[in-house]
Amino acid sequence: MAKGKNKGSAPAAAGGKKKGGIGSGIGMLVMGVPLVILFLPTVVLLIFAMLPTAVAFVVERGKYRYGFICVGGLNFAGVSPYLLNMWFERHDITMALDTLSNVFALMMIYGAAAFGWLIYTTTPSLVGSFLSLTSSRRIAALKAAQRKLIEEWGTEVMQAEDEIGEAMAEPKAMAAG
């Protein structure tokens, strides 16, 4: 392929069909509707139980959507015992509605999602505090080592901070020039 040609026209030029379009939409509809009807109790339970995950998906605008992942994972962990119970006992709509009307089940499901929000909101500050603490300990250790070197070698090895900045800039200037 020449450098100037458009890469987007390669599948059409090769005679292949484009992905997507109305055919794939109809295929999803033909496959999806019977599956939803077959697994209607599961779908009903998951739609109402996973609402915090949907909210996290809509609200969060970050590139990697860590809030969605955190809330969604714990939300699904909260609903999974009730989902498995429904699958292995009676898989009907009354069981799904009984689960959704059980206050303790909803507390477990939405409480797990709330714990996901808690983890998502507190983790950055905890990591920042940890990094600050380790950095301050590292600075203290380096200053202690510096004092030990000054005691051993004398004050001739000391440099003022502006001299340190100039000394660090000289090798960069030599490398650039």
N, C-alpha and C. Protein backbone atom coordinates (compact mmCIF):
# COMPACT_ATOMS: atom_id res chain seq x y z
N MET A 1 0.85 -1.17 0.00
CA MET A 1 0.00 0.00 0.00
C MET A 1 0.90 1.23 0.00
N ALA A 2 0.60 2.17 -0.83
CA ALA A 2 1.41 3.39 -0.92
C ALA A 2 1.18 4.26 0.30
N LYS A 3 2.14 5.14 0.54
CA LYS A 3 2.07 5.98 1.73
C LYS A 3 0.89 6.94 1.70
N GLY A 4 0.51 7.42 0.58
CA GLY A 4 -0.53 8.44 0.48
C GLY A 4 -1.94 7.90 0.50
N LYS A 5 -2.13 6.57 0.39
CA LYS A 5 -3.47 6.01 0.31
C LYS A 5 -4.15 6.00 1.67
N ASN A 6 -5.46 6.05 1.63
CA ASN A 6 -6.27 6.03 2.84
C ASN A 6 -6.39 4.60 3.34
N LYS A 7 -6.02 4.35 4.58
CA LYS A 7 -6.08 3.01 5.14
C LYS A 7 -7.51 2.58 5.43
N GLY A 8 -8.43 3.50 5.64
CA GLY A 8 -9.81 3.19 5.98
C GLY A 8 -10.56 2.52 4.84
N SER A 9 -10.12 2.65 3.60
CA SER A 9 -10.82 2.07 2.47
C SER A 9 -10.32 0.68 2.13
N ALA A 10 -9.38 0.14 2.87
CA ALA A 10 -8.81 -1.17 2.58
C ALA A 10 -9.84 -2.29 2.67
N PRO A 11 -10.70 -2.39 3.70
CA PRO A 11 -11.67 -3.48 3.73
C PRO A 11 -12.68 -3.39 2.59
N ALA A 12 -13.09 -2.19 2.24
CA ALA A 12 -14.06 -2.05 1.16
C ALA A 12 -13.41 -2.42 -0.17
N ALA A 13 -12.14 -2.07 -0.36
CA ALA A 13 -11.45 -2.39 -1.59
C ALA A 13 -11.19 -3.89 -1.70
N ALA A 14 -11.03 -4.57 -0.58
CA ALA A 14 -10.75 -6.00 -0.59
C ALA A 14 -12.02 -6.82 -0.83
N GLY A 15 -13.16 -6.18 -0.85
CA GLY A 15 -14.41 -6.88 -1.11
C GLY A 15 -15.06 -7.42 0.15
N GLY A 16 -14.47 -7.16 1.33
CA GLY A 16 -15.04 -7.63 2.59
C GLY A 16 -16.15 -6.72 3.07
N LYS A 17 -17.00 -7.26 3.92
CA LYS A 17 -18.07 -6.45 4.48
C LYS A 17 -17.54 -5.61 5.63
N LYS A 18 -18.17 -4.46 5.84
CA LYS A 18 -17.83 -3.62 6.97
C LYS A 18 -18.43 -4.23 8.23
N LYS A 19 -17.73 -4.05 9.34
CA LYS A 19 -18.26 -4.52 10.61
C LYS A 19 -19.35 -3.56 11.07
N GLY A 20 -20.31 -4.09 11.80
CA GLY A 20 -21.39 -3.25 12.30
C GLY A 20 -22.52 -3.19 11.29
N GLY A 21 -23.22 -2.09 11.28
CA GLY A 21 -24.31 -1.92 10.34
C GLY A 21 -25.59 -2.54 10.85
N ILE A 22 -26.56 -2.61 9.96
CA ILE A 22 -27.88 -3.09 10.35
C ILE A 22 -27.89 -4.60 10.56
N GLY A 23 -27.02 -5.32 9.87
CA GLY A 23 -26.99 -6.78 10.00
C GLY A 23 -26.60 -7.22 11.40
N SER A 24 -25.60 -6.57 11.97
CA SER A 24 -25.18 -6.97 13.31
C SER A 24 -26.21 -6.54 14.35
N GLY A 25 -26.90 -5.43 14.11
CA GLY A 25 -27.96 -5.00 15.03
C GLY A 25 -29.11 -5.99 15.04
N ILE A 26 -29.48 -6.48 13.87
CA ILE A 26 -30.55 -7.47 13.78
C ILE A 26 -30.11 -8.78 14.43
N GLY A 27 -28.84 -9.14 14.22
CA GLY A 27 -28.31 -10.36 14.84
C GLY A 27 -28.34 -10.28 16.35
N MET A 28 -27.97 -9.13 16.89
CA MET A 28 -28.01 -8.96 18.34
C MET A 28 -29.44 -9.02 18.84
N LEU A 29 -30.37 -8.46 18.09
CA LEU A 29 -31.77 -8.48 18.48
C LEU A 29 -32.32 -9.91 18.44
N VAL A 30 -31.97 -10.65 17.39
CA VAL A 30 -32.45 -12.03 17.26
C VAL A 30 -31.89 -12.91 18.38
N MET A 31 -30.65 -12.66 18.78
CA MET A 31 -30.04 -13.44 19.86
C MET A 31 -30.43 -12.91 21.24
N GLY A 32 -30.53 -11.59 21.36
CA GLY A 32 -30.73 -10.97 22.67
C GLY A 32 -32.12 -11.12 23.24
N VAL A 33 -33.14 -10.94 22.42
CA VAL A 33 -34.52 -10.99 22.92
C VAL A 33 -34.87 -12.37 23.50
N PRO A 34 -34.57 -13.47 22.81
CA PRO A 34 -34.86 -14.77 23.44
C PRO A 34 -34.07 -15.01 24.72
N LEU A 35 -32.82 -14.53 24.77
CA LEU A 35 -32.03 -14.71 25.99
C LEU A 35 -32.62 -13.91 27.15
N VAL A 36 -33.07 -12.69 26.88
CA VAL A 36 -33.69 -11.88 27.94
C VAL A 36 -34.98 -12.55 28.42
N ILE A 37 -35.76 -13.09 27.51
CA ILE A 37 -37.00 -13.76 27.90
C ILE A 37 -36.69 -15.03 28.70
N LEU A 38 -35.69 -15.78 28.26
CA LEU A 38 -35.32 -17.01 28.94
C LEU A 38 -34.78 -16.74 30.34
N PHE A 39 -33.98 -15.71 30.48
CA PHE A 39 -33.36 -15.37 31.76
C PHE A 39 -33.98 -14.13 32.39
N LEU A 40 -35.27 -13.94 32.23
CA LEU A 40 -35.95 -12.74 32.72
C LEU A 40 -35.78 -12.51 34.23
N PRO A 41 -35.89 -13.53 35.08
CA PRO A 41 -35.68 -13.26 36.51
C PRO A 41 -34.27 -12.75 36.81
N THR A 42 -33.28 -13.31 36.15
CA THR A 42 -31.90 -12.85 36.33
C THR A 42 -31.75 -11.42 35.85
N VAL A 43 -32.32 -11.11 34.71
CA VAL A 43 -32.23 -9.76 34.14
C VAL A 43 -32.91 -8.76 35.07
N VAL A 44 -34.08 -9.09 35.59
CA VAL A 44 -34.79 -8.17 36.49
C VAL A 44 -33.97 -7.93 37.75
N LEU A 45 -33.45 -9.00 38.35
CA LEU A 45 -32.65 -8.85 39.56
C LEU A 45 -31.40 -8.01 39.29
N LEU A 46 -30.71 -8.29 38.21
CA LEU A 46 -29.47 -7.55 37.92
C LEU A 46 -29.73 -6.10 37.56
N ILE A 47 -30.82 -5.81 36.86
CA ILE A 47 -31.10 -4.41 36.50
C ILE A 47 -31.29 -3.56 37.75
N PHE A 48 -32.07 -4.05 38.69
CA PHE A 48 -32.32 -3.24 39.89
C PHE A 48 -31.18 -3.31 40.90
N ALA A 49 -30.51 -4.44 40.97
CA ALA A 49 -29.43 -4.57 41.95
C ALA A 49 -28.17 -3.83 41.51
N MET A 50 -27.94 -3.73 40.21
CA MET A 50 -26.71 -3.11 39.72
C MET A 50 -26.89 -1.63 39.38
N LEU A 51 -27.92 -0.99 39.91
CA LEU A 51 -28.11 0.44 39.68
C LEU A 51 -26.93 1.29 40.15
N PRO A 52 -26.30 1.01 41.30
CA PRO A 52 -25.14 1.81 41.68
C PRO A 52 -23.99 1.72 40.68
N THR A 53 -23.85 0.59 40.03
CA THR A 53 -22.82 0.44 39.02
C THR A 53 -23.13 1.30 37.80
N ALA A 54 -24.39 1.34 37.41
CA ALA A 54 -24.79 2.20 36.29
C ALA A 54 -24.56 3.67 36.63
N VAL A 55 -24.87 4.05 37.86
CA VAL A 55 -24.63 5.44 38.29
C VAL A 55 -23.14 5.74 38.26
N ALA A 56 -22.31 4.82 38.73
CA ALA A 56 -20.86 5.03 38.71
C ALA A 56 -20.35 5.16 37.28
N PHE A 57 -20.93 4.40 36.36
CA PHE A 57 -20.51 4.49 34.96
C PHE A 57 -20.86 5.84 34.36
N VAL A 58 -22.04 6.35 34.69
CA VAL A 58 -22.49 7.63 34.13
C VAL A 58 -21.75 8.79 34.78
N VAL A 59 -21.56 8.73 36.09
CA VAL A 59 -20.98 9.86 36.82
C VAL A 59 -19.49 10.02 36.56
N GLU A 60 -18.76 8.93 36.51
CA GLU A 60 -17.30 9.04 36.40
C GLU A 60 -16.88 9.33 34.97
N ARG A 61 -15.99 10.30 34.83
CA ARG A 61 -15.52 10.72 33.51
C ARG A 61 -14.04 10.42 33.30
N GLY A 62 -13.41 9.71 34.21
CA GLY A 62 -11.99 9.40 34.08
C GLY A 62 -11.72 8.49 32.90
N LYS A 63 -10.48 8.48 32.46
CA LYS A 63 -10.10 7.68 31.30
C LYS A 63 -10.27 6.18 31.56
N TYR A 64 -9.86 5.74 32.74
CA TYR A 64 -9.87 4.30 33.02
C TYR A 64 -11.09 3.84 33.81
N ARG A 65 -11.91 4.77 34.30
CA ARG A 65 -13.15 4.47 35.02
C ARG A 65 -12.92 3.52 36.20
N TYR A 66 -11.98 3.89 37.06
CA TYR A 66 -11.69 3.08 38.23
C TYR A 66 -12.87 3.02 39.19
N GLY A 67 -13.64 4.09 39.29
CA GLY A 67 -14.82 4.08 40.16
C GLY A 67 -15.84 3.06 39.70
N PHE A 68 -16.07 3.00 38.40
CA PHE A 68 -16.99 2.03 37.83
C PHE A 68 -16.53 0.61 38.13
N ILE A 69 -15.24 0.38 37.98
CA ILE A 69 -14.69 -0.96 38.23
C ILE A 69 -14.81 -1.32 39.71
N CYS A 70 -14.48 -0.38 40.57
CA CYS A 70 -14.51 -0.64 42.02
C CYS A 70 -15.95 -0.85 42.51
N VAL A 71 -16.83 0.05 42.14
CA VAL A 71 -18.23 -0.06 42.56
C VAL A 71 -18.88 -1.28 41.91
N GLY A 72 -18.61 -1.49 40.63
CA GLY A 72 -19.23 -2.61 39.92
C GLY A 72 -18.80 -3.96 40.46
N GLY A 73 -17.52 -4.08 40.76
CA GLY A 73 -17.04 -5.35 41.29
C GLY A 73 -17.65 -5.69 42.64
N LEU A 74 -17.67 -4.71 43.52
CA LEU A 74 -18.24 -4.98 44.84
C LEU A 74 -19.77 -5.06 44.80
N ASN A 75 -20.39 -4.33 43.89
CA ASN A 75 -21.84 -4.43 43.73
C ASN A 75 -22.21 -5.83 43.24
N PHE A 76 -21.46 -6.35 42.29
CA PHE A 76 -21.72 -7.70 41.80
C PHE A 76 -21.43 -8.74 42.88
N ALA A 77 -20.39 -8.49 43.69
CA ALA A 77 -20.11 -9.40 44.81
C ALA A 77 -21.27 -9.40 45.80
N GLY A 78 -21.92 -8.27 45.97
CA GLY A 78 -23.06 -8.20 46.89
C GLY A 78 -24.29 -8.89 46.36
N VAL A 79 -24.49 -8.87 45.05
CA VAL A 79 -25.69 -9.49 44.48
C VAL A 79 -25.47 -10.97 44.16
N SER A 80 -24.24 -11.42 44.04
CA SER A 80 -23.98 -12.79 43.60
C SER A 80 -24.56 -13.87 44.53
N PRO A 81 -24.54 -13.73 45.87
CA PRO A 81 -25.17 -14.79 46.67
C PRO A 81 -26.67 -14.95 46.38
N TYR A 82 -27.34 -13.84 46.18
CA TYR A 82 -28.78 -13.89 45.90
C TYR A 82 -29.04 -14.40 44.49
N LEU A 83 -28.15 -14.07 43.58
CA LEU A 83 -28.28 -14.55 42.21
C LEU A 83 -28.07 -16.06 42.16
N LEU A 84 -27.05 -16.55 42.84
CA LEU A 84 -26.81 -17.99 42.88
C LEU A 84 -27.95 -18.72 43.59
N ASN A 85 -28.45 -18.12 44.65
CA ASN A 85 -29.59 -18.70 45.36
C ASN A 85 -30.79 -18.83 44.43
N MET A 86 -31.02 -17.81 43.62
CA MET A 86 -32.15 -17.84 42.69
C MET A 86 -31.90 -18.90 41.60
N TRP A 87 -30.69 -19.02 41.12
CA TRP A 87 -30.40 -19.99 40.07
C TRP A 87 -30.57 -21.43 40.56
N PHE A 88 -30.17 -21.70 41.79
CA PHE A 88 -30.17 -23.08 42.26
C PHE A 88 -31.44 -23.48 43.02
N GLU A 89 -32.28 -22.52 43.40
CA GLU A 89 -33.54 -22.86 44.05
C GLU A 89 -34.70 -22.79 43.06
N ARG A 90 -35.20 -21.59 42.81
CA ARG A 90 -36.26 -21.42 41.81
C ARG A 90 -35.91 -20.20 40.97
N HIS A 91 -35.80 -20.44 39.72
CA HIS A 91 -35.48 -19.36 38.80
C HIS A 91 -36.77 -18.84 38.18
N ASP A 92 -37.50 -18.05 38.96
CA ASP A 92 -38.72 -17.44 38.45
C ASP A 92 -38.79 -15.99 38.93
N ILE A 93 -39.73 -15.26 38.35
CA ILE A 93 -39.81 -13.82 38.59
C ILE A 93 -40.22 -13.52 40.04
N THR A 94 -40.98 -14.41 40.66
CA THR A 94 -41.36 -14.16 42.06
C THR A 94 -40.15 -14.23 42.99
N MET A 95 -39.22 -15.13 42.70
CA MET A 95 -38.00 -15.21 43.51
C MET A 95 -37.17 -13.93 43.35
N ALA A 96 -37.10 -13.41 42.13
CA ALA A 96 -36.36 -12.17 41.89
C ALA A 96 -37.02 -11.00 42.62
N LEU A 97 -38.34 -10.93 42.55
CA LEU A 97 -39.06 -9.84 43.23
C LEU A 97 -39.01 -9.99 44.75
N ASP A 98 -39.01 -11.24 45.24
CA ASP A 98 -38.86 -11.45 46.68
C ASP A 98 -37.49 -10.97 47.16
N THR A 99 -36.48 -11.23 46.37
CA THR A 99 -35.13 -10.77 46.72
C THR A 99 -35.07 -9.26 46.72
N LEU A 100 -35.68 -8.63 45.72
CA LEU A 100 -35.65 -7.17 45.63
C LEU A 100 -36.52 -6.50 46.69
N SER A 101 -37.47 -7.23 47.26
CA SER A 101 -38.30 -6.64 48.32
C SER A 101 -37.77 -6.97 49.71
N ASN A 102 -36.73 -7.76 49.80
CA ASN A 102 -36.10 -8.10 51.08
C ASN A 102 -35.14 -6.97 51.47
N VAL A 103 -35.42 -6.32 52.59
CA VAL A 103 -34.62 -5.17 53.02
C VAL A 103 -33.18 -5.58 53.30
N PHE A 104 -32.99 -6.73 53.91
CA PHE A 104 -31.64 -7.17 54.24
C PHE A 104 -30.83 -7.50 52.99
N ALA A 105 -31.49 -8.06 51.98
CA ALA A 105 -30.80 -8.32 50.71
C ALA A 105 -30.38 -7.01 50.05
N LEU A 106 -31.28 -6.03 50.06
CA LEU A 106 -30.94 -4.74 49.47
C LEU A 106 -29.83 -4.04 50.24
N MET A 107 -29.85 -4.18 51.58
CA MET A 107 -28.76 -3.60 52.37
C MET A 107 -27.43 -4.25 52.02
N MET A 108 -27.44 -5.55 51.81
CA MET A 108 -26.21 -6.26 51.45
C MET A 108 -25.73 -5.83 50.06
N ILE A 109 -26.64 -5.76 49.11
CA ILE A 109 -26.28 -5.43 47.73
C ILE A 109 -25.80 -3.98 47.63
N TYR A 110 -26.60 -3.05 48.13
CA TYR A 110 -26.23 -1.64 48.03
C TYR A 110 -25.13 -1.27 49.02
N GLY A 111 -25.04 -1.99 50.13
CA GLY A 111 -23.94 -1.76 51.07
C GLY A 111 -22.60 -2.14 50.47
N ALA A 112 -22.58 -3.22 49.70
CA ALA A 112 -21.34 -3.61 49.02
C ALA A 112 -20.95 -2.54 48.00
N ALA A 113 -21.93 -1.99 47.29
CA ALA A 113 -21.64 -0.92 46.34
C ALA A 113 -21.14 0.33 47.06
N ALA A 114 -21.73 0.63 48.22
CA ALA A 114 -21.27 1.78 49.00
C ALA A 114 -19.84 1.57 49.48
N PHE A 115 -19.51 0.34 49.83
CA PHE A 115 -18.13 0.04 50.22
C PHE A 115 -17.19 0.23 49.04
N GLY A 116 -17.66 -0.07 47.83
CA GLY A 116 -16.86 0.20 46.63
C GLY A 116 -16.60 1.68 46.44
N TRP A 117 -17.64 2.52 46.67
CA TRP A 117 -17.45 3.97 46.61
C TRP A 117 -16.47 4.43 47.68
N LEU A 118 -16.57 3.85 48.87
CA LEU A 118 -15.66 4.21 49.97
C LEU A 118 -14.22 3.90 49.60
N ILE A 119 -13.99 2.73 49.05
CA ILE A 119 -12.63 2.37 48.62
C ILE A 119 -12.15 3.32 47.54
N TYR A 120 -13.01 3.62 46.58
CA TYR A 120 -12.63 4.49 45.47
C TYR A 120 -12.29 5.90 45.94
N THR A 121 -13.03 6.42 46.91
CA THR A 121 -12.78 7.80 47.35
C THR A 121 -11.64 7.91 48.34
N THR A 122 -11.39 6.89 49.15
CA THR A 122 -10.34 7.01 50.17
C THR A 122 -8.98 6.52 49.71
N THR A 123 -8.91 5.68 48.72
CA THR A 123 -7.62 5.13 48.31
C THR A 123 -6.63 6.19 47.85
N PRO A 124 -7.00 7.19 47.03
CA PRO A 124 -6.00 8.19 46.63
C PRO A 124 -5.39 8.94 47.80
N SER A 125 -6.19 9.31 48.79
CA SER A 125 -5.62 10.04 49.93
C SER A 125 -4.74 9.13 50.78
N LEU A 126 -5.11 7.86 50.92
CA LEU A 126 -4.27 6.93 51.67
C LEU A 126 -2.93 6.70 50.97
N VAL A 127 -2.96 6.55 49.66
CA VAL A 127 -1.72 6.37 48.91
C VAL A 127 -0.86 7.62 48.98
N GLY A 128 -1.49 8.80 48.88
CA GLY A 128 -0.74 10.05 49.00
C GLY A 128 -0.09 10.20 50.35
N SER A 129 -0.80 9.85 51.41
CA SER A 129 -0.22 9.91 52.76
C SER A 129 0.94 8.94 52.90
N PHE A 130 0.78 7.75 52.37
CA PHE A 130 1.86 6.76 52.44
C PHE A 130 3.09 7.23 51.69
N LEU A 131 2.90 7.77 50.49
CA LEU A 131 4.04 8.26 49.71
C LEU A 131 4.71 9.44 50.39
N SER A 132 3.93 10.31 51.00
CA SER A 132 4.50 11.44 51.72
C SER A 132 5.32 10.97 52.91
N LEU A 133 4.80 10.00 53.63
CA LEU A 133 5.52 9.45 54.79
C LEU A 133 6.82 8.79 54.37
N THR A 134 6.78 7.97 53.33
CA THR A 134 8.01 7.30 52.89
C THR A 134 9.00 8.30 52.33
N SER A 135 8.52 9.34 51.66
CA SER A 135 9.43 10.37 51.13
C SER A 135 10.10 11.13 52.26
N SER A 136 9.34 11.48 53.30
CA SER A 136 9.94 12.22 54.42
C SER A 136 10.95 11.35 55.17
N ARG A 137 10.67 10.06 55.29
CA ARG A 137 11.65 9.16 55.91
C ARG A 137 12.91 9.05 55.06
N ARG A 138 12.74 9.00 53.77
CA ARG A 138 13.90 8.92 52.87
C ARG A 138 14.73 10.20 52.96
N ILE A 139 14.08 11.36 53.03
CA ILE A 139 14.79 12.64 53.17
C ILE A 139 15.56 12.67 54.48
N ALA A 140 14.93 12.20 55.57
CA ALA A 140 15.61 12.18 56.86
C ALA A 140 16.83 11.26 56.82
N ALA A 141 16.70 10.11 56.17
CA ALA A 141 17.83 9.18 56.07
C ALA A 141 18.96 9.78 55.24
N LEU A 142 18.62 10.47 54.15
CA LEU A 142 19.65 11.10 53.32
C LEU A 142 20.34 12.23 54.06
N LYS A 143 19.59 13.01 54.84
CA LYS A 143 20.21 14.09 55.62
C LYS A 143 21.13 13.53 56.70
N ALA A 144 20.75 12.41 57.32
CA ALA A 144 21.61 11.78 58.32
C ALA A 144 22.90 11.28 57.67
N ALA A 145 22.77 10.69 56.48
CA ALA A 145 23.96 10.23 55.76
C ALA A 145 24.83 11.42 55.36
N GLN A 146 24.20 12.52 54.99
CA GLN A 146 24.94 13.73 54.62
C GLN A 146 25.71 14.27 55.83
N ARG A 147 25.06 14.31 56.99
CA ARG A 147 25.75 14.77 58.21
C ARG A 147 26.93 13.87 58.55
N LYS A 148 26.75 12.57 58.36
CA LYS A 148 27.84 11.63 58.63
C LYS A 148 29.02 11.87 57.69
N LEU A 149 28.73 12.15 56.43
CA LEU A 149 29.80 12.45 55.46
C LEU A 149 30.51 13.74 55.81
N ILE A 150 29.76 14.75 56.26
CA ILE A 150 30.37 16.03 56.63
C ILE A 150 31.27 15.84 57.85
N GLU A 151 30.83 15.02 58.81
CA GLU A 151 31.67 14.75 59.97
C GLU A 151 32.95 14.02 59.56
N GLU A 152 32.84 13.11 58.60
CA GLU A 152 33.99 12.32 58.18
C GLU A 152 34.93 13.10 57.28
N TRP A 153 34.39 13.88 56.34
CA TRP A 153 35.21 14.55 55.33
C TRP A 153 35.42 16.04 55.62
N GLY A 154 34.63 16.61 56.46
CA GLY A 154 34.76 18.03 56.76
C GLY A 154 33.78 18.85 55.95
N THR A 155 33.78 20.16 56.22
CA THR A 155 32.82 21.05 55.58
C THR A 155 33.20 21.39 54.14
N GLU A 156 34.37 20.96 53.69
CA GLU A 156 34.77 21.26 52.30
C GLU A 156 33.87 20.56 51.29
N VAL A 157 33.26 19.45 51.69
CA VAL A 157 32.40 18.71 50.75
C VAL A 157 31.00 19.29 50.67
N MET A 158 30.70 20.27 51.53
CA MET A 158 29.37 20.90 51.51
C MET A 158 29.27 21.87 50.35
N GLN A 159 28.10 21.95 49.75
CA GLN A 159 27.82 22.93 48.72
C GLN A 159 26.52 23.63 49.10
N ALA A 160 26.44 24.88 48.73
CA ALA A 160 25.19 25.61 48.93
C ALA A 160 24.17 25.09 47.92
N GLU A 161 22.90 25.30 48.20
CA GLU A 161 21.86 24.77 47.32
C GLU A 161 21.91 25.39 45.94
N ASP A 162 22.28 26.68 45.83
CA ASP A 162 22.38 27.29 44.51
C ASP A 162 23.55 26.70 43.74
N GLU A 163 24.64 26.33 44.41
CA GLU A 163 25.76 25.69 43.74
C GLU A 163 25.38 24.29 43.27
N ILE A 164 24.55 23.61 44.04
CA ILE A 164 24.10 22.28 43.64
C ILE A 164 23.27 22.39 42.36
N GLY A 165 22.40 23.38 42.29
CA GLY A 165 21.59 23.58 41.09
C GLY A 165 22.46 23.89 39.88
N GLU A 166 23.50 24.73 40.06
CA GLU A 166 24.41 25.04 38.96
C GLU A 166 25.20 23.80 38.55
N ALA A 167 25.65 23.01 39.52
CA ALA A 167 26.42 21.81 39.22
C ALA A 167 25.57 20.79 38.47
N MET A 168 24.28 20.73 38.79
CA MET A 168 23.40 19.79 38.09
C MET A 168 23.09 20.28 36.68
N ALA A 169 23.08 21.59 36.46
CA ALA A 169 22.75 22.15 35.15
C ALA A 169 23.92 22.02 34.18
N GLU A 170 25.17 22.03 34.67
CA GLU A 170 26.34 21.97 33.79
C GLU A 170 26.38 20.70 32.95
N PRO A 171 26.19 19.50 33.51
CA PRO A 171 26.22 18.30 32.65
C PRO A 171 25.11 18.31 31.60
N LYS A 172 23.94 18.86 31.95
CA LYS A 172 22.84 18.92 30.99
C LYS A 172 23.19 19.87 29.85
N ALA A 173 23.84 20.99 30.18
CA ALA A 173 24.24 21.95 29.15
C ALA A 173 25.30 21.35 28.25
N MET A 174 26.23 20.59 28.82
CA MET A 174 27.28 19.95 28.02
C MET A 174 26.68 18.90 27.09
N ALA A 175 25.69 18.15 27.58
CA ALA A 175 25.07 17.11 26.76
C ALA A 175 24.27 17.72 25.62
N ALA A 176 23.63 18.86 25.87
CA ALA A 176 22.82 19.51 24.84
C ALA A 176 23.70 20.20 23.80
N GLY A 177 24.87 20.72 24.24
CA GLY A 177 25.74 21.50 23.35
C GLY A 177 26.64 20.66 22.60
